Amino acid sequence: MRRFLISALTGLTLLLAIVPTAIAYPEDQFNECMIAAKANPSLVGVSESYIEGFCDCALTAILDEGKNDVASANKCAKETLNQ
């Protein structure tokens, strides 16, 4: 029984290490961010993948981690859009 328990816990630990982290912010918030970013004239010509990265970064910081919205948006813009 002890071997079974150790094997089960080891397997569970391995499974948790492999499973990707879930995104906690609502998908509709991500979609709204994408729409707003694409409508921003200063982002004309910026790759959609960079905009996706910005929205993911900003929403994770603001909604998931509770950080300041303006500071987080500025930091994420510098990290993802200045490519």
Protein backbone atom coordinates (compact mmCIF):
# COMPACT_ATOMS: atom_id res chain seq x y z
CA MET A 1 0.00 0.00 0.00
CA ARG A 2 2.85 2.36 0.83
CA ARG A 3 4.46 1.78 -2.59
CA PHE A 4 1.18 2.49 -4.31
CA LEU A 5 0.77 5.75 -2.39
CA ILE A 6 4.33 6.85 -3.20
CA SER A 7 3.84 5.96 -6.87
CA ALA A 8 0.54 7.81 -7.01
CA LEU A 9 1.99 10.94 -5.41
CA THR A 10 5.03 10.84 -7.68
CA GLY A 11 2.80 10.47 -10.74
CA LEU A 12 0.56 13.32 -9.60
CA THR A 13 3.56 15.57 -9.00
CA LEU A 14 4.89 14.78 -12.46
CA LEU A 15 1.50 15.42 -14.03
CA LEU A 16 1.18 18.79 -12.31
CA ALA A 17 4.64 19.77 -13.54
CA ILE A 18 3.68 18.98 -17.14
CA VAL A 19 0.20 20.55 -17.25
CA PRO A 20 0.35 24.16 -18.46
CA THR A 21 -0.80 26.95 -16.18
CA ALA A 22 -4.41 27.97 -16.69
CA ILE A 23 -5.19 31.51 -17.71
CA ALA A 24 -7.36 33.11 -15.04
CA TYR A 25 -8.51 36.26 -16.81
CA PRO A 26 -11.78 35.99 -18.77
CA GLU A 27 -11.50 35.35 -22.50
CA ASP A 28 -13.86 38.23 -23.25
CA GLN A 29 -11.38 40.58 -21.55
CA PHE A 30 -8.65 39.28 -23.85
CA ASN A 31 -10.88 39.80 -26.90
CA GLU A 32 -11.72 43.35 -25.79
CA CYS A 33 -8.02 44.10 -25.30
CA MET A 34 -7.22 42.80 -28.78
CA ILE A 35 -9.97 44.92 -30.36
CA ALA A 36 -8.89 48.05 -28.50
CA ALA A 37 -5.22 47.52 -29.30
CA LYS A 38 -5.90 46.95 -33.00
CA ALA A 39 -7.96 50.16 -33.08
CA ASN A 40 -5.08 52.15 -31.58
CA PRO A 41 -3.49 54.21 -34.38
CA SER A 42 -0.04 53.93 -32.80
CA LEU A 43 -0.16 50.15 -33.23
CA VAL A 44 -0.89 50.13 -36.97
CA GLY A 45 1.40 47.60 -38.61
CA VAL A 46 2.31 45.83 -35.36
CA SER A 47 2.16 42.05 -35.68
CA GLU A 48 -0.93 40.43 -34.18
CA SER A 49 1.28 38.04 -32.22
CA TYR A 50 2.95 41.02 -30.47
CA ILE A 51 -0.47 42.48 -29.66
CA GLU A 52 -1.56 39.10 -28.27
CA GLY A 53 1.57 39.03 -26.13
CA PHE A 54 0.84 42.53 -24.86
CA CYS A 55 -2.76 41.69 -23.97
CA ASP A 56 -1.76 38.48 -22.24
CA CYS A 57 0.98 40.23 -20.27
CA ALA A 58 -1.21 43.17 -19.26
CA LEU A 59 -4.26 41.12 -18.31
CA THR A 60 -2.18 38.66 -16.33
CA ALA A 61 -0.56 41.49 -14.38
CA ILE A 62 -3.73 43.54 -13.86
CA LEU A 63 -6.43 40.91 -13.33
CA ASP A 64 -4.54 37.84 -12.14
CA GLU A 65 -1.83 39.52 -10.05
CA GLY A 66 -3.73 42.67 -9.01
CA LYS A 67 -1.04 45.08 -10.18
CA ASN A 68 -1.55 48.72 -11.18
CA ASP A 69 -3.20 48.95 -14.59
CA VAL A 70 -1.28 51.87 -16.10
CA ALA A 71 2.11 50.72 -14.84
CA SER A 72 1.42 47.15 -15.99
CA ALA A 73 0.26 48.26 -19.43
CA ASN A 74 3.36 50.43 -19.87
CA LYS A 75 5.70 47.67 -18.71
CA CYS A 76 4.03 45.09 -20.98
CA ALA A 77 4.11 47.46 -23.94
CA LYS A 78 7.86 47.93 -23.49
CA GLU A 79 8.40 44.16 -23.14
CA THR A 80 6.20 42.97 -26.01
CA LEU A 81 5.68 45.76 -28.54
CA ASN A 82 9.19 47.13 -28.84
CA GLN A 83 10.35 44.25 -31.01
